[in-house]
Amino acid sequence: MVNVIRLYFDENVEIAIAEQMQVRGIEVVTVRDLESLGDSDETHLMRATQMGYVLCTYDQDYLRLAAEGVAHMGIVFAVYGRTTIGDWIRGLSLICEVFTAEEMINHIEYLSY
C-alpha cells in the first residue's frame, strides 16, 4: 500500500484547489477527470476507496455514510461558504504533511476556519 496521501475531489469542490494541490506535488483526481459527474455519493466513496484516495468534499452525505460504517480511505470535509480556496489548500497541505495514507483510513478531517 502506498503510504502517501492521494486526493479524490468530488464534483462540488473547486477545480482550482485540485490544480493547486497538483502544483504542490500531491496526486489528485477529480470526478471530472474520471468523467463520472453525477454518480452517486456511494459510488464516489467506493471508487475513491478502491483507488486508495482520500475523498475531499463539501457534501455531508459522506459523513452519514461514514457514520453508517461504510469503510473509506479518509474524508476531508468543509462547510461550503465557510472555507476559501486558500483554506482548502493550507488544510490539505497540512494533512498531507502530517498524516500517512494508513492513518487516514476511516478517518475524517474537518476543515474549519
N, C-alpha and C. Protein backbone atom coordinates (compact mmCIF):
# COMPACT_ATOMS: atom_id res chain seq x y z
N MET A 1 0.84 -1.19 0.00
CA MET A 1 0.00 0.00 0.00
C MET A 1 0.88 1.25 0.00
N VAL A 2 0.53 2.21 -0.81
CA VAL A 2 1.23 3.48 -0.84
C VAL A 2 0.87 4.23 0.43
N ASN A 3 1.87 4.81 1.11
CA ASN A 3 1.59 5.50 2.37
C ASN A 3 1.51 7.01 2.21
N VAL A 4 1.52 7.48 0.99
CA VAL A 4 1.39 8.90 0.70
C VAL A 4 -0.08 9.18 0.39
N ILE A 5 -0.59 10.24 0.95
CA ILE A 5 -1.99 10.60 0.72
C ILE A 5 -2.20 11.07 -0.71
N ARG A 6 -3.23 10.53 -1.32
CA ARG A 6 -3.68 10.95 -2.65
C ARG A 6 -5.11 11.42 -2.50
N LEU A 7 -5.50 12.41 -3.27
CA LEU A 7 -6.78 13.09 -3.07
C LEU A 7 -7.76 12.88 -4.22
N TYR A 8 -9.00 12.65 -3.88
CA TYR A 8 -10.11 12.46 -4.82
C TYR A 8 -11.11 13.58 -4.54
N PHE A 9 -11.33 14.45 -5.53
CA PHE A 9 -12.22 15.59 -5.35
C PHE A 9 -13.58 15.29 -5.96
N ASP A 10 -14.64 15.40 -5.14
CA ASP A 10 -15.97 15.21 -5.70
C ASP A 10 -16.33 16.44 -6.53
N GLU A 11 -17.49 16.41 -7.15
CA GLU A 11 -17.83 17.45 -8.12
C GLU A 11 -18.14 18.80 -7.50
N ASN A 12 -18.27 18.87 -6.19
CA ASN A 12 -18.60 20.13 -5.54
C ASN A 12 -17.38 20.96 -5.15
N VAL A 13 -16.23 20.35 -5.09
CA VAL A 13 -15.02 21.07 -4.68
C VAL A 13 -14.39 21.73 -5.91
N GLU A 14 -13.99 22.97 -5.73
CA GLU A 14 -13.45 23.77 -6.83
C GLU A 14 -12.22 23.13 -7.47
N ILE A 15 -12.20 23.13 -8.79
CA ILE A 15 -11.08 22.59 -9.57
C ILE A 15 -9.78 23.31 -9.23
N ALA A 16 -9.85 24.59 -8.92
CA ALA A 16 -8.65 25.37 -8.58
C ALA A 16 -7.90 24.74 -7.40
N ILE A 17 -8.62 24.15 -6.48
CA ILE A 17 -7.98 23.51 -5.33
C ILE A 17 -7.19 22.28 -5.80
N ALA A 18 -7.81 21.47 -6.63
CA ALA A 18 -7.12 20.30 -7.18
C ALA A 18 -5.87 20.71 -7.94
N GLU A 19 -6.00 21.74 -8.76
CA GLU A 19 -4.85 22.22 -9.54
C GLU A 19 -3.72 22.68 -8.64
N GLN A 20 -4.04 23.40 -7.58
CA GLN A 20 -3.01 23.89 -6.67
C GLN A 20 -2.35 22.75 -5.90
N MET A 21 -3.11 21.72 -5.57
CA MET A 21 -2.51 20.59 -4.88
C MET A 21 -1.57 19.84 -5.82
N GLN A 22 -1.94 19.73 -7.09
CA GLN A 22 -1.06 19.10 -8.08
C GLN A 22 0.24 19.88 -8.22
N VAL A 23 0.15 21.20 -8.22
CA VAL A 23 1.35 22.04 -8.31
C VAL A 23 2.27 21.75 -7.12
N ARG A 24 1.70 21.40 -5.99
CA ARG A 24 2.47 21.10 -4.79
C ARG A 24 2.95 19.65 -4.74
N GLY A 25 2.73 18.92 -5.81
CA GLY A 25 3.24 17.56 -5.91
C GLY A 25 2.34 16.49 -5.32
N ILE A 26 1.10 16.84 -5.01
CA ILE A 26 0.16 15.86 -4.46
C ILE A 26 -0.61 15.23 -5.62
N GLU A 27 -0.73 13.92 -5.58
CA GLU A 27 -1.50 13.22 -6.62
C GLU A 27 -2.99 13.46 -6.37
N VAL A 28 -3.67 13.92 -7.41
CA VAL A 28 -5.08 14.32 -7.31
C VAL A 28 -5.84 13.76 -8.49
N VAL A 29 -7.09 13.36 -8.23
CA VAL A 29 -8.01 13.01 -9.30
C VAL A 29 -9.34 13.68 -8.97
N THR A 30 -10.03 14.14 -10.00
CA THR A 30 -11.34 14.74 -9.81
C THR A 30 -12.38 13.89 -10.53
N VAL A 31 -13.63 14.05 -10.12
CA VAL A 31 -14.68 13.30 -10.82
C VAL A 31 -14.78 13.75 -12.27
N ARG A 32 -14.37 14.97 -12.55
CA ARG A 32 -14.35 15.44 -13.94
C ARG A 32 -13.30 14.67 -14.74
N ASP A 33 -12.12 14.46 -14.12
CA ASP A 33 -11.07 13.67 -14.77
C ASP A 33 -11.58 12.27 -15.11
N LEU A 34 -12.35 11.72 -14.21
CA LEU A 34 -12.85 10.35 -14.36
C LEU A 34 -14.12 10.27 -15.18
N GLU A 35 -14.60 11.43 -15.62
CA GLU A 35 -15.84 11.53 -16.38
C GLU A 35 -16.98 10.83 -15.65
N SER A 36 -17.08 11.11 -14.35
CA SER A 36 -18.11 10.47 -13.53
C SER A 36 -18.99 11.49 -12.81
N LEU A 37 -19.16 12.65 -13.42
CA LEU A 37 -20.07 13.64 -12.87
C LEU A 37 -21.46 13.03 -12.74
N GLY A 38 -22.11 13.29 -11.64
CA GLY A 38 -23.47 12.81 -11.45
C GLY A 38 -23.57 11.43 -10.83
N ASP A 39 -22.45 10.74 -10.63
CA ASP A 39 -22.51 9.45 -9.95
C ASP A 39 -22.97 9.67 -8.50
N SER A 40 -23.49 8.63 -7.90
CA SER A 40 -23.98 8.74 -6.52
C SER A 40 -22.81 8.91 -5.55
N ASP A 41 -23.14 9.44 -4.38
CA ASP A 41 -22.12 9.59 -3.34
C ASP A 41 -21.54 8.23 -2.96
N GLU A 42 -22.37 7.22 -2.89
CA GLU A 42 -21.90 5.88 -2.56
C GLU A 42 -20.88 5.40 -3.58
N THR A 43 -21.16 5.67 -4.85
CA THR A 43 -20.24 5.25 -5.92
C THR A 43 -18.93 6.00 -5.83
N HIS A 44 -19.00 7.31 -5.58
CA HIS A 44 -17.76 8.09 -5.46
C HIS A 44 -16.92 7.60 -4.28
N LEU A 45 -17.56 7.36 -3.14
CA LEU A 45 -16.80 6.92 -1.98
C LEU A 45 -16.20 5.54 -2.22
N MET A 46 -16.96 4.65 -2.84
CA MET A 46 -16.45 3.32 -3.15
C MET A 46 -15.27 3.42 -4.13
N ARG A 47 -15.41 4.24 -5.17
CA ARG A 47 -14.34 4.38 -6.16
C ARG A 47 -13.08 4.97 -5.51
N ALA A 48 -13.25 6.02 -4.72
CA ALA A 48 -12.09 6.63 -4.04
C ALA A 48 -11.40 5.59 -3.16
N THR A 49 -12.18 4.81 -2.46
CA THR A 49 -11.63 3.78 -1.58
C THR A 49 -10.89 2.72 -2.37
N GLN A 50 -11.50 2.24 -3.44
CA GLN A 50 -10.85 1.22 -4.27
C GLN A 50 -9.55 1.73 -4.88
N MET A 51 -9.53 3.02 -5.22
CA MET A 51 -8.33 3.62 -5.81
C MET A 51 -7.29 3.98 -4.75
N GLY A 52 -7.69 4.01 -3.47
CA GLY A 52 -6.77 4.36 -2.39
C GLY A 52 -6.63 5.86 -2.19
N TYR A 53 -7.69 6.60 -2.46
CA TYR A 53 -7.67 8.06 -2.37
C TYR A 53 -8.54 8.57 -1.22
N VAL A 54 -8.11 9.65 -0.60
CA VAL A 54 -8.90 10.36 0.40
C VAL A 54 -9.89 11.25 -0.34
N LEU A 55 -11.17 11.17 0.03
CA LEU A 55 -12.21 11.93 -0.64
C LEU A 55 -12.33 13.32 -0.01
N CYS A 56 -12.36 14.35 -0.86
CA CYS A 56 -12.49 15.75 -0.42
C CYS A 56 -13.85 16.27 -0.86
N THR A 57 -14.59 16.88 0.07
CA THR A 57 -15.97 17.23 -0.25
C THR A 57 -16.54 18.33 0.64
N TYR A 58 -17.62 18.91 0.17
CA TYR A 58 -18.49 19.77 0.98
C TYR A 58 -19.77 19.01 1.36
N ASP A 59 -19.96 17.84 0.83
CA ASP A 59 -21.22 17.10 0.90
C ASP A 59 -21.33 16.30 2.21
N GLN A 60 -22.30 16.65 3.04
CA GLN A 60 -22.50 15.98 4.32
C GLN A 60 -22.94 14.53 4.18
N ASP A 61 -23.43 14.14 3.03
CA ASP A 61 -23.85 12.75 2.83
C ASP A 61 -22.70 11.77 3.07
N TYR A 62 -21.48 12.19 2.78
CA TYR A 62 -20.33 11.31 3.02
C TYR A 62 -20.10 11.09 4.51
N LEU A 63 -20.40 12.10 5.30
CA LEU A 63 -20.28 11.95 6.76
C LEU A 63 -21.31 10.93 7.26
N ARG A 64 -22.50 10.97 6.69
CA ARG A 64 -23.54 9.99 7.04
C ARG A 64 -23.10 8.58 6.67
N LEU A 65 -22.54 8.43 5.46
CA LEU A 65 -22.07 7.11 5.03
C LEU A 65 -20.99 6.58 5.97
N ALA A 66 -20.07 7.45 6.36
CA ALA A 66 -19.01 7.03 7.29
C ALA A 66 -19.62 6.64 8.64
N ALA A 67 -20.60 7.42 9.12
CA ALA A 67 -21.24 7.13 10.40
C ALA A 67 -22.00 5.80 10.35
N GLU A 68 -22.47 5.43 9.17
CA GLU A 68 -23.16 4.15 8.99
C GLU A 68 -22.19 2.98 8.88
N GLY A 69 -20.90 3.27 8.91
CA GLY A 69 -19.91 2.21 8.90
C GLY A 69 -19.32 1.87 7.55
N VAL A 70 -19.61 2.69 6.54
CA VAL A 70 -19.02 2.45 5.22
C VAL A 70 -17.52 2.73 5.31
N ALA A 71 -16.71 1.75 4.96
CA ALA A 71 -15.26 1.90 5.02
C ALA A 71 -14.79 2.89 3.95
N HIS A 72 -13.73 3.62 4.26
CA HIS A 72 -13.19 4.59 3.31
C HIS A 72 -11.72 4.84 3.62
N MET A 73 -11.05 5.46 2.68
CA MET A 73 -9.62 5.77 2.82
C MET A 73 -9.39 7.13 3.48
N GLY A 74 -10.46 7.75 3.94
CA GLY A 74 -10.38 9.05 4.58
C GLY A 74 -11.28 10.04 3.87
N ILE A 75 -11.79 10.98 4.64
CA ILE A 75 -12.64 12.03 4.11
C ILE A 75 -12.16 13.35 4.68
N VAL A 76 -12.03 14.35 3.80
CA VAL A 76 -11.77 15.72 4.24
C VAL A 76 -13.03 16.50 3.90
N PHE A 77 -13.62 17.11 4.92
CA PHE A 77 -14.90 17.79 4.79
C PHE A 77 -14.79 19.25 5.21
N ALA A 78 -15.46 20.11 4.46
CA ALA A 78 -15.58 21.52 4.83
C ALA A 78 -17.01 21.97 4.57
N VAL A 79 -17.46 22.94 5.34
CA VAL A 79 -18.78 23.52 5.13
C VAL A 79 -18.67 24.55 4.03
N TYR A 80 -19.51 24.39 3.00
CA TYR A 80 -19.47 25.31 1.86
C TYR A 80 -19.75 26.73 2.33
N GLY A 81 -18.95 27.67 1.85
CA GLY A 81 -19.12 29.07 2.19
C GLY A 81 -18.35 29.51 3.42
N ARG A 82 -17.82 28.56 4.16
CA ARG A 82 -17.04 28.89 5.36
C ARG A 82 -15.55 28.68 5.17
N THR A 83 -15.17 28.13 4.04
CA THR A 83 -13.75 27.93 3.74
C THR A 83 -13.46 28.47 2.36
N THR A 84 -12.32 29.10 2.24
CA THR A 84 -11.89 29.64 0.95
C THR A 84 -11.03 28.60 0.23
N ILE A 85 -10.72 28.90 -0.99
CA ILE A 85 -9.79 28.04 -1.73
C ILE A 85 -8.46 27.98 -0.99
N GLY A 86 -8.01 29.10 -0.49
CA GLY A 86 -6.76 29.14 0.29
C GLY A 86 -6.84 28.28 1.54
N ASP A 87 -7.99 28.30 2.23
CA ASP A 87 -8.18 27.45 3.41
C ASP A 87 -8.04 25.97 3.05
N TRP A 88 -8.66 25.58 1.94
CA TRP A 88 -8.55 24.20 1.48
C TRP A 88 -7.10 23.84 1.20
N ILE A 89 -6.41 24.70 0.48
CA ILE A 89 -5.02 24.41 0.10
C ILE A 89 -4.14 24.28 1.33
N ARG A 90 -4.27 25.24 2.27
CA ARG A 90 -3.48 25.16 3.51
C ARG A 90 -3.83 23.91 4.31
N GLY A 91 -5.13 23.63 4.44
CA GLY A 91 -5.56 22.47 5.21
C GLY A 91 -5.11 21.16 4.60
N LEU A 92 -5.31 21.01 3.30
CA LEU A 92 -4.90 19.78 2.64
C LEU A 92 -3.38 19.60 2.65
N SER A 93 -2.67 20.70 2.47
CA SER A 93 -1.20 20.62 2.53
C SER A 93 -0.74 20.12 3.89
N LEU A 94 -1.36 20.64 4.94
CA LEU A 94 -1.01 20.20 6.29
C LEU A 94 -1.37 18.73 6.51
N ILE A 95 -2.56 18.35 6.09
CA ILE A 95 -2.99 16.95 6.22
C ILE A 95 -2.00 16.03 5.52
N CYS A 96 -1.60 16.39 4.31
CA CYS A 96 -0.66 15.56 3.55
C CYS A 96 0.73 15.52 4.17
N GLU A 97 1.06 16.53 4.95
CA GLU A 97 2.37 16.56 5.62
C GLU A 97 2.38 15.74 6.90
N VAL A 98 1.27 15.77 7.66
CA VAL A 98 1.30 15.17 9.00
C VAL A 98 0.68 13.78 9.09
N PHE A 99 -0.16 13.42 8.14
CA PHE A 99 -0.79 12.09 8.16
C PHE A 99 -0.20 11.21 7.07
N THR A 100 -0.23 9.93 7.32
CA THR A 100 0.07 8.96 6.26
C THR A 100 -1.27 8.49 5.70
N ALA A 101 -1.23 7.85 4.56
CA ALA A 101 -2.45 7.29 3.98
C ALA A 101 -3.06 6.27 4.94
N GLU A 102 -2.22 5.50 5.58
CA GLU A 102 -2.71 4.50 6.53
C GLU A 102 -3.44 5.15 7.70
N GLU A 103 -2.92 6.26 8.19
CA GLU A 103 -3.57 6.95 9.31
C GLU A 103 -4.91 7.57 8.92
N MET A 104 -5.11 7.82 7.65
CA MET A 104 -6.36 8.42 7.19
C MET A 104 -7.48 7.40 6.99
N ILE A 105 -7.16 6.13 6.99
CA ILE A 105 -8.19 5.11 6.77
C ILE A 105 -9.30 5.25 7.80
N ASN A 106 -10.53 5.40 7.31
CA ASN A 106 -11.73 5.57 8.14
C ASN A 106 -11.65 6.77 9.08
N HIS A 107 -10.86 7.76 8.71
CA HIS A 107 -10.69 8.98 9.49
C HIS A 107 -11.31 10.14 8.74
N ILE A 108 -11.90 11.06 9.47
CA ILE A 108 -12.47 12.26 8.87
C ILE A 108 -11.75 13.47 9.43
N GLU A 109 -11.31 14.34 8.55
CA GLU A 109 -10.72 15.62 8.94
C GLU A 109 -11.69 16.73 8.51
N TYR A 110 -11.96 17.62 9.43
CA TYR A 110 -12.86 18.74 9.17
C TYR A 110 -12.03 20.00 8.98
N LEU A 111 -12.24 20.69 7.87
CA LEU A 111 -11.59 21.98 7.66
C LEU A 111 -12.53 23.06 8.19
N SER A 112 -12.08 23.80 9.17
CA SER A 112 -12.91 24.90 9.67
C SER A 112 -12.00 26.05 10.05
N TYR A 113 -12.40 27.21 9.63
CA TYR A 113 -11.61 28.40 9.88
C TYR A 113 -12.50 29.49 10.41
